[in-house]
Amino acid sequence: MGIEISKYASIAEDALKYRGIRQDMIAGNIANVDTPFYKAKDIGFEEMLAKSASLLEEKEPRLKMAKTDGMHLSPAEETSAHKADIFFRPNHGTRNDGNSVDLDVETTEMSKNAIMINAIAAALKKKSMLFKSMIDTSSRVS
């Protein structure tokens, strides 16, 4: 585990991971454009990331559940409920062979996703460069 630059850095890293998964899914959809009965898939993770961000902004810390007896069950982990949803994209027009992949939609989604990946990576890089320059500056002062 490294040094935490920001409390939001973990959310940005998760977003980057999910964007990578989404890029792979879109590539899989494009690869199956001619596969009969293939349904285009996508992943929804924005709500999960928004919920994680709101948990970071909470002012009051959460109380942990006390176990007064060894036979009590442990509470479920809260993060286990926050998972990205994989779903089939709504059919924009299924072809005669049952395939629902629309190449125009997929290439547009791939481009938008790539832009988001680049933006998140640039933000993380900028944040880490600022942190690195602070360390370099403080080491010169000593």
N, C-alpha and C. Protein backbone atom coordinates (compact mmCIF):
# COMPACT_ATOMS: atom_id res chain seq x y z
N MET A 1 0.84 -1.18 0.00
CA MET A 1 0.00 0.00 0.00
C MET A 1 0.88 1.24 0.00
N GLY A 2 0.59 2.16 -0.91
CA GLY A 2 1.41 3.34 -1.04
C GLY A 2 0.87 4.49 -0.21
N ILE A 3 1.46 5.64 -0.41
CA ILE A 3 1.04 6.84 0.28
C ILE A 3 -0.23 7.35 -0.39
N GLU A 4 -1.22 7.71 0.42
CA GLU A 4 -2.47 8.23 -0.13
C GLU A 4 -2.30 9.71 -0.40
N ILE A 5 -2.40 10.10 -1.65
CA ILE A 5 -2.23 11.49 -2.05
C ILE A 5 -3.48 12.30 -1.70
N SER A 6 -4.63 11.70 -1.91
CA SER A 6 -5.90 12.36 -1.66
C SER A 6 -6.91 11.31 -1.26
N LYS A 7 -7.91 11.70 -0.50
CA LYS A 7 -8.93 10.73 -0.13
C LYS A 7 -9.76 10.31 -1.34
N TYR A 8 -9.71 11.09 -2.41
CA TYR A 8 -10.45 10.76 -3.62
C TYR A 8 -9.61 9.98 -4.63
N ALA A 9 -8.34 9.78 -4.36
CA ALA A 9 -7.47 9.06 -5.29
C ALA A 9 -7.93 7.63 -5.48
N SER A 10 -8.44 7.00 -4.42
CA SER A 10 -8.91 5.62 -4.55
C SER A 10 -10.12 5.53 -5.47
N ILE A 11 -10.98 6.55 -5.43
CA ILE A 11 -12.14 6.56 -6.32
C ILE A 11 -11.69 6.75 -7.76
N ALA A 12 -10.71 7.61 -7.98
CA ALA A 12 -10.18 7.81 -9.33
C ALA A 12 -9.54 6.53 -9.86
N GLU A 13 -8.82 5.82 -8.98
CA GLU A 13 -8.21 4.56 -9.40
C GLU A 13 -9.28 3.52 -9.73
N ASP A 14 -10.36 3.46 -8.93
CA ASP A 14 -11.46 2.55 -9.24
C ASP A 14 -12.12 2.92 -10.56
N ALA A 15 -12.32 4.22 -10.79
CA ALA A 15 -12.92 4.68 -12.04
C ALA A 15 -12.06 4.27 -13.23
N LEU A 16 -10.75 4.39 -13.06
CA LEU A 16 -9.83 4.00 -14.13
C LEU A 16 -9.92 2.50 -14.40
N LYS A 17 -10.03 1.71 -13.33
CA LYS A 17 -10.16 0.26 -13.48
C LYS A 17 -11.45 -0.10 -14.21
N TYR A 18 -12.56 0.51 -13.79
CA TYR A 18 -13.84 0.21 -14.44
C TYR A 18 -13.88 0.72 -15.88
N ARG A 19 -13.25 1.84 -16.14
CA ARG A 19 -13.18 2.33 -17.52
C ARG A 19 -12.40 1.34 -18.40
N GLY A 20 -11.35 0.74 -17.84
CA GLY A 20 -10.60 -0.28 -18.58
C GLY A 20 -11.45 -1.50 -18.87
N ILE A 21 -12.23 -1.92 -17.88
CA ILE A 21 -13.14 -3.06 -18.08
C ILE A 21 -14.16 -2.72 -19.15
N ARG A 22 -14.68 -1.49 -19.10
CA ARG A 22 -15.68 -1.07 -20.10
C ARG A 22 -15.06 -1.06 -21.50
N GLN A 23 -13.82 -0.61 -21.60
CA GLN A 23 -13.14 -0.59 -22.91
C GLN A 23 -13.04 -2.01 -23.47
N ASP A 24 -12.70 -2.98 -22.60
CA ASP A 24 -12.62 -4.37 -23.03
C ASP A 24 -13.98 -4.90 -23.47
N MET A 25 -15.04 -4.52 -22.76
CA MET A 25 -16.39 -4.97 -23.13
C MET A 25 -16.80 -4.42 -24.48
N ILE A 26 -16.52 -3.15 -24.69
CA ILE A 26 -16.87 -2.53 -25.97
C ILE A 26 -16.08 -3.20 -27.09
N ALA A 27 -14.80 -3.47 -26.85
CA ALA A 27 -13.99 -4.16 -27.86
C ALA A 27 -14.57 -5.55 -28.15
N GLY A 28 -15.05 -6.24 -27.11
CA GLY A 28 -15.70 -7.54 -27.30
C GLY A 28 -16.97 -7.43 -28.11
N ASN A 29 -17.73 -6.36 -27.88
CA ASN A 29 -18.94 -6.14 -28.68
C ASN A 29 -18.59 -5.95 -30.15
N ILE A 30 -17.56 -5.14 -30.40
CA ILE A 30 -17.14 -4.90 -31.78
C ILE A 30 -16.63 -6.19 -32.42
N ALA A 31 -15.89 -6.98 -31.66
CA ALA A 31 -15.36 -8.24 -32.20
C ALA A 31 -16.49 -9.21 -32.55
N ASN A 32 -17.63 -9.09 -31.89
CA ASN A 32 -18.76 -10.00 -32.13
C ASN A 32 -19.85 -9.37 -32.99
N VAL A 33 -19.49 -8.37 -33.77
CA VAL A 33 -20.48 -7.68 -34.60
C VAL A 33 -21.17 -8.63 -35.59
N ASP A 34 -20.50 -9.69 -35.99
CA ASP A 34 -21.08 -10.63 -36.95
C ASP A 34 -21.50 -11.95 -36.32
N THR A 35 -21.50 -12.05 -35.00
CA THR A 35 -21.89 -13.28 -34.31
C THR A 35 -23.41 -13.32 -34.16
N PRO A 36 -24.06 -14.34 -34.72
CA PRO A 36 -25.52 -14.42 -34.59
C PRO A 36 -25.96 -14.51 -33.13
N PHE A 37 -27.03 -13.82 -32.80
CA PHE A 37 -27.67 -13.80 -31.48
C PHE A 37 -26.81 -13.19 -30.38
N TYR A 38 -25.72 -12.52 -30.73
CA TYR A 38 -24.89 -11.85 -29.72
C TYR A 38 -25.58 -10.57 -29.29
N LYS A 39 -25.63 -10.32 -27.98
CA LYS A 39 -26.22 -9.10 -27.42
C LYS A 39 -25.12 -8.21 -26.88
N ALA A 40 -25.15 -6.95 -27.26
CA ALA A 40 -24.14 -5.99 -26.82
C ALA A 40 -24.21 -5.81 -25.31
N LYS A 41 -23.04 -5.86 -24.64
CA LYS A 41 -22.96 -5.73 -23.18
C LYS A 41 -22.33 -4.38 -22.81
N ASP A 42 -22.63 -3.96 -21.62
CA ASP A 42 -22.03 -2.74 -21.09
C ASP A 42 -21.91 -2.88 -19.58
N ILE A 43 -21.26 -1.94 -18.95
CA ILE A 43 -21.08 -1.98 -17.50
C ILE A 43 -21.45 -0.61 -16.94
N GLY A 44 -22.23 -0.61 -15.88
CA GLY A 44 -22.63 0.64 -15.23
C GLY A 44 -21.98 0.73 -13.86
N PHE A 45 -21.17 1.73 -13.66
CA PHE A 45 -20.43 1.86 -12.41
C PHE A 45 -20.49 3.28 -11.85
N GLU A 46 -21.11 4.20 -12.56
CA GLU A 46 -21.12 5.59 -12.13
C GLU A 46 -21.85 5.76 -10.79
N GLU A 47 -22.98 5.08 -10.61
CA GLU A 47 -23.73 5.20 -9.35
C GLU A 47 -22.91 4.67 -8.17
N MET A 48 -22.19 3.56 -8.40
CA MET A 48 -21.37 2.98 -7.34
C MET A 48 -20.25 3.93 -6.95
N LEU A 49 -19.61 4.58 -7.94
CA LEU A 49 -18.54 5.53 -7.63
C LEU A 49 -19.10 6.78 -6.92
N ALA A 50 -20.29 7.22 -7.33
CA ALA A 50 -20.91 8.38 -6.69
C ALA A 50 -21.23 8.07 -5.23
N LYS A 51 -21.70 6.86 -4.97
CA LYS A 51 -22.01 6.48 -3.60
C LYS A 51 -20.73 6.41 -2.76
N SER A 52 -19.65 5.88 -3.35
CA SER A 52 -18.37 5.84 -2.64
C SER A 52 -17.87 7.24 -2.32
N ALA A 53 -18.04 8.17 -3.27
CA ALA A 53 -17.62 9.55 -3.04
C ALA A 53 -18.44 10.20 -1.93
N SER A 54 -19.74 9.91 -1.91
CA SER A 54 -20.57 10.51 -0.86
C SER A 54 -20.21 9.95 0.52
N LEU A 55 -19.79 8.69 0.56
CA LEU A 55 -19.35 8.12 1.84
C LEU A 55 -18.09 8.80 2.35
N LEU A 56 -17.21 9.22 1.43
CA LEU A 56 -15.99 9.92 1.83
C LEU A 56 -16.29 11.31 2.38
N GLU A 57 -17.39 11.89 1.92
CA GLU A 57 -17.73 13.25 2.33
C GLU A 57 -18.55 13.31 3.62
N GLU A 58 -18.93 12.16 4.16
CA GLU A 58 -19.71 12.16 5.38
C GLU A 58 -18.96 12.85 6.51
N LYS A 59 -19.66 13.69 7.22
CA LYS A 59 -19.04 14.43 8.32
C LYS A 59 -18.86 13.58 9.57
N GLU A 60 -19.85 12.74 9.85
CA GLU A 60 -19.81 11.95 11.07
C GLU A 60 -19.26 10.56 10.78
N PRO A 61 -18.33 10.09 11.58
CA PRO A 61 -17.84 8.73 11.38
C PRO A 61 -18.93 7.71 11.73
N ARG A 62 -18.90 6.58 11.07
CA ARG A 62 -19.89 5.54 11.33
C ARG A 62 -19.46 4.73 12.55
N LEU A 63 -20.45 4.36 13.33
CA LEU A 63 -20.18 3.50 14.48
C LEU A 63 -20.09 2.06 14.02
N LYS A 64 -19.16 1.32 14.59
CA LYS A 64 -19.05 -0.09 14.28
C LYS A 64 -20.01 -0.87 15.17
N MET A 65 -20.57 -1.92 14.61
CA MET A 65 -21.49 -2.74 15.37
C MET A 65 -20.71 -3.53 16.42
N ALA A 66 -21.20 -3.49 17.63
CA ALA A 66 -20.55 -4.22 18.73
C ALA A 66 -21.08 -5.64 18.77
N LYS A 67 -20.18 -6.59 19.00
CA LYS A 67 -20.57 -7.99 19.18
C LYS A 67 -20.46 -8.28 20.68
N THR A 68 -21.61 -8.50 21.30
CA THR A 68 -21.61 -8.74 22.74
C THR A 68 -21.50 -10.21 23.09
N ASP A 69 -21.57 -11.06 22.05
CA ASP A 69 -21.48 -12.50 22.28
C ASP A 69 -20.72 -13.11 21.11
N GLY A 70 -19.92 -14.11 21.38
CA GLY A 70 -19.13 -14.75 20.34
C GLY A 70 -19.97 -15.45 19.28
N MET A 71 -21.23 -15.74 19.58
CA MET A 71 -22.12 -16.41 18.63
C MET A 71 -22.80 -15.44 17.66
N HIS A 72 -22.66 -14.13 17.90
CA HIS A 72 -23.27 -13.15 17.02
C HIS A 72 -22.57 -13.18 15.65
N LEU A 73 -23.35 -12.96 14.63
CA LEU A 73 -22.80 -12.88 13.28
C LEU A 73 -22.10 -11.53 13.09
N SER A 74 -21.07 -11.54 12.30
CA SER A 74 -20.39 -10.29 11.97
C SER A 74 -21.24 -9.52 10.97
N PRO A 75 -21.19 -8.18 11.01
CA PRO A 75 -21.97 -7.40 10.03
C PRO A 75 -21.40 -7.58 8.63
N ALA A 76 -22.27 -7.48 7.65
CA ALA A 76 -21.82 -7.59 6.26
C ALA A 76 -20.98 -6.37 5.92
N GLU A 77 -19.97 -6.58 5.12
CA GLU A 77 -19.13 -5.46 4.70
C GLU A 77 -19.93 -4.56 3.79
N GLU A 78 -19.84 -3.27 4.03
CA GLU A 78 -20.63 -2.32 3.26
C GLU A 78 -20.17 -2.25 1.81
N THR A 79 -18.88 -2.41 1.57
CA THR A 79 -18.38 -2.30 0.21
C THR A 79 -18.81 -3.47 -0.66
N SER A 80 -19.21 -4.59 -0.06
CA SER A 80 -19.60 -5.74 -0.86
C SER A 80 -20.87 -5.48 -1.66
N ALA A 81 -21.70 -4.55 -1.21
CA ALA A 81 -22.95 -4.24 -1.92
C ALA A 81 -22.71 -3.29 -3.08
N HIS A 82 -21.55 -2.63 -3.11
CA HIS A 82 -21.26 -1.65 -4.15
C HIS A 82 -20.44 -2.29 -5.26
N LYS A 83 -21.12 -2.85 -6.21
CA LYS A 83 -20.44 -3.48 -7.34
C LYS A 83 -21.00 -2.91 -8.63
N ALA A 84 -20.18 -2.93 -9.64
CA ALA A 84 -20.64 -2.46 -10.94
C ALA A 84 -21.61 -3.48 -11.53
N ASP A 85 -22.58 -2.98 -12.28
CA ASP A 85 -23.58 -3.84 -12.90
C ASP A 85 -23.24 -4.05 -14.37
N ILE A 86 -23.21 -5.31 -14.76
CA ILE A 86 -23.05 -5.64 -16.18
C ILE A 86 -24.45 -5.90 -16.73
N PHE A 87 -24.74 -5.29 -17.86
CA PHE A 87 -26.08 -5.41 -18.43
C PHE A 87 -26.00 -5.48 -19.95
N PHE A 88 -27.09 -5.93 -20.56
CA PHE A 88 -27.20 -5.92 -22.01
C PHE A 88 -27.72 -4.56 -22.43
N ARG A 89 -27.08 -3.98 -23.43
CA ARG A 89 -27.52 -2.67 -23.92
C ARG A 89 -28.90 -2.79 -24.53
N PRO A 90 -29.70 -1.76 -24.38
CA PRO A 90 -31.03 -1.79 -25.02
C PRO A 90 -30.86 -1.96 -26.53
N ASN A 91 -31.71 -2.76 -27.11
CA ASN A 91 -31.61 -3.02 -28.54
C ASN A 91 -31.97 -1.77 -29.33
N HIS A 92 -31.01 -1.28 -30.08
CA HIS A 92 -31.26 -0.13 -30.95
C HIS A 92 -31.82 -0.61 -32.28
N GLY A 93 -31.91 -1.87 -32.43
CA GLY A 93 -32.40 -2.47 -33.67
C GLY A 93 -31.68 -3.78 -33.89
N THR A 94 -32.29 -4.84 -33.42
CA THR A 94 -31.70 -6.15 -33.61
C THR A 94 -31.82 -6.54 -35.07
N ARG A 95 -30.74 -7.06 -35.61
CA ARG A 95 -30.76 -7.48 -37.01
C ARG A 95 -31.48 -8.81 -37.16
N ASN A 96 -31.63 -9.25 -38.39
CA ASN A 96 -32.32 -10.52 -38.67
C ASN A 96 -31.65 -11.72 -38.01
N ASP A 97 -30.32 -11.64 -37.81
CA ASP A 97 -29.61 -12.77 -37.19
C ASP A 97 -29.63 -12.71 -35.66
N GLY A 98 -30.35 -11.75 -35.06
CA GLY A 98 -30.47 -11.65 -33.62
C GLY A 98 -29.36 -10.86 -32.95
N ASN A 99 -28.41 -10.36 -33.70
CA ASN A 99 -27.29 -9.60 -33.16
C ASN A 99 -27.75 -8.17 -32.89
N SER A 100 -27.41 -7.63 -31.71
CA SER A 100 -27.83 -6.27 -31.36
C SER A 100 -26.69 -5.26 -31.36
N VAL A 101 -25.52 -5.63 -31.88
CA VAL A 101 -24.37 -4.73 -31.88
C VAL A 101 -24.52 -3.72 -33.01
N ASP A 102 -24.50 -2.44 -32.64
CA ASP A 102 -24.51 -1.35 -33.62
C ASP A 102 -23.10 -0.76 -33.65
N LEU A 103 -22.42 -0.92 -34.75
CA LEU A 103 -21.02 -0.51 -34.85
C LEU A 103 -20.83 0.98 -34.59
N ASP A 104 -21.77 1.80 -35.04
CA ASP A 104 -21.67 3.25 -34.80
C ASP A 104 -21.76 3.56 -33.31
N VAL A 105 -22.68 2.92 -32.61
CA VAL A 105 -22.83 3.13 -31.17
C VAL A 105 -21.57 2.67 -30.44
N GLU A 106 -21.07 1.51 -30.82
CA GLU A 106 -19.89 0.94 -30.13
C GLU A 106 -18.65 1.80 -30.32
N THR A 107 -18.41 2.27 -31.54
CA THR A 107 -17.21 3.09 -31.77
C THR A 107 -17.34 4.45 -31.07
N THR A 108 -18.57 4.99 -31.02
CA THR A 108 -18.78 6.25 -30.29
C THR A 108 -18.54 6.05 -28.81
N GLU A 109 -19.09 4.98 -28.24
CA GLU A 109 -18.89 4.69 -26.81
C GLU A 109 -17.42 4.42 -26.50
N MET A 110 -16.72 3.75 -27.42
CA MET A 110 -15.30 3.48 -27.21
C MET A 110 -14.50 4.77 -27.19
N SER A 111 -14.84 5.70 -28.08
CA SER A 111 -14.13 6.98 -28.11
C SER A 111 -14.40 7.80 -26.85
N LYS A 112 -15.66 7.86 -26.42
CA LYS A 112 -16.00 8.58 -25.19
C LYS A 112 -15.29 7.97 -23.99
N ASN A 113 -15.25 6.64 -23.93
CA ASN A 113 -14.60 5.96 -22.82
C ASN A 113 -13.10 6.22 -22.82
N ALA A 114 -12.48 6.22 -24.00
CA ALA A 114 -11.04 6.48 -24.09
C ALA A 114 -10.72 7.90 -23.63
N ILE A 115 -11.58 8.86 -23.95
CA ILE A 115 -11.37 10.24 -23.49
C ILE A 115 -11.43 10.30 -21.96
N MET A 116 -12.39 9.59 -21.37
CA MET A 116 -12.50 9.56 -19.91
C MET A 116 -11.28 8.90 -19.27
N ILE A 117 -10.79 7.81 -19.87
CA ILE A 117 -9.58 7.15 -19.35
C ILE A 117 -8.41 8.12 -19.35
N ASN A 118 -8.23 8.83 -20.46
CA ASN A 118 -7.13 9.78 -20.56
C ASN A 118 -7.27 10.92 -19.56
N ALA A 119 -8.51 11.40 -19.34
CA ALA A 119 -8.73 12.49 -18.38
C ALA A 119 -8.43 12.04 -16.95
N ILE A 120 -8.89 10.85 -16.58
CA ILE A 120 -8.64 10.35 -15.22
C ILE A 120 -7.15 10.10 -15.02
N ALA A 121 -6.50 9.50 -16.01
CA ALA A 121 -5.06 9.23 -15.90
C ALA A 121 -4.27 10.53 -15.80
N ALA A 122 -4.67 11.55 -16.56
CA ALA A 122 -3.98 12.84 -16.51
C ALA A 122 -4.16 13.50 -15.14
N ALA A 123 -5.38 13.39 -14.58
CA ALA A 123 -5.62 13.97 -13.25
C ALA A 123 -4.78 13.27 -12.19
N LEU A 124 -4.72 11.95 -12.25
CA LEU A 124 -3.91 11.20 -11.28
C LEU A 124 -2.43 11.53 -11.44
N LYS A 125 -2.00 11.66 -12.68
CA LYS A 125 -0.59 11.97 -12.93
C LYS A 125 -0.25 13.37 -12.42
N LYS A 126 -1.14 14.32 -12.67
CA LYS A 126 -0.89 15.69 -12.21
C LYS A 126 -0.82 15.73 -10.69
N LYS A 127 -1.73 15.02 -10.04
CA LYS A 127 -1.75 14.99 -8.57
C LYS A 127 -0.46 14.38 -8.03
N SER A 128 0.00 13.29 -8.66
CA SER A 128 1.22 12.63 -8.18
C SER A 128 2.46 13.48 -8.47
N MET A 129 2.45 14.21 -9.58
CA MET A 129 3.59 15.08 -9.89
C MET A 129 3.69 16.22 -8.88
N LEU A 130 2.54 16.75 -8.45
CA LEU A 130 2.53 17.80 -7.44
C LEU A 130 3.10 17.27 -6.13
N PHE A 131 2.68 16.07 -5.76
CA PHE A 131 3.16 15.43 -4.54
C PHE A 131 4.67 15.19 -4.63
N LYS A 132 5.14 14.71 -5.79
CA LYS A 132 6.56 14.44 -5.99
C LYS A 132 7.38 15.73 -5.91
N SER A 133 6.87 16.81 -6.49
CA SER A 133 7.61 18.07 -6.44
C SER A 133 7.69 18.62 -5.02
N MET A 134 6.65 18.38 -4.22
CA MET A 134 6.69 18.81 -2.82
C MET A 134 7.77 18.03 -2.06
N ILE A 135 7.87 16.74 -2.32
CA ILE A 135 8.89 15.92 -1.66
C ILE A 135 10.28 16.35 -2.10
N ASP A 136 10.46 16.58 -3.41
CA ASP A 136 11.75 17.01 -3.92
C ASP A 136 12.15 18.36 -3.32
N THR A 137 11.22 19.29 -3.24
CA THR A 137 11.50 20.61 -2.68
C THR A 137 11.85 20.52 -1.21
N SER A 138 11.11 19.71 -0.47
CA SER A 138 11.38 19.61 0.97
C SER A 138 12.72 18.92 1.23
N SER A 139 13.14 18.03 0.34
CA SER A 139 14.43 17.36 0.55
C SER A 139 15.60 18.32 0.28
N ARG A 140 15.40 19.30 -0.57
CA ARG A 140 16.46 20.27 -0.85
C ARG A 140 16.62 21.27 0.28
N VAL A 141 15.53 21.54 0.99
CA VAL A 141 15.56 22.52 2.08
C VAL A 141 16.38 22.00 3.26
N SER A 142 16.33 20.70 3.54
CA SER A 142 17.02 20.14 4.71
C SER A 142 18.50 20.26 4.62
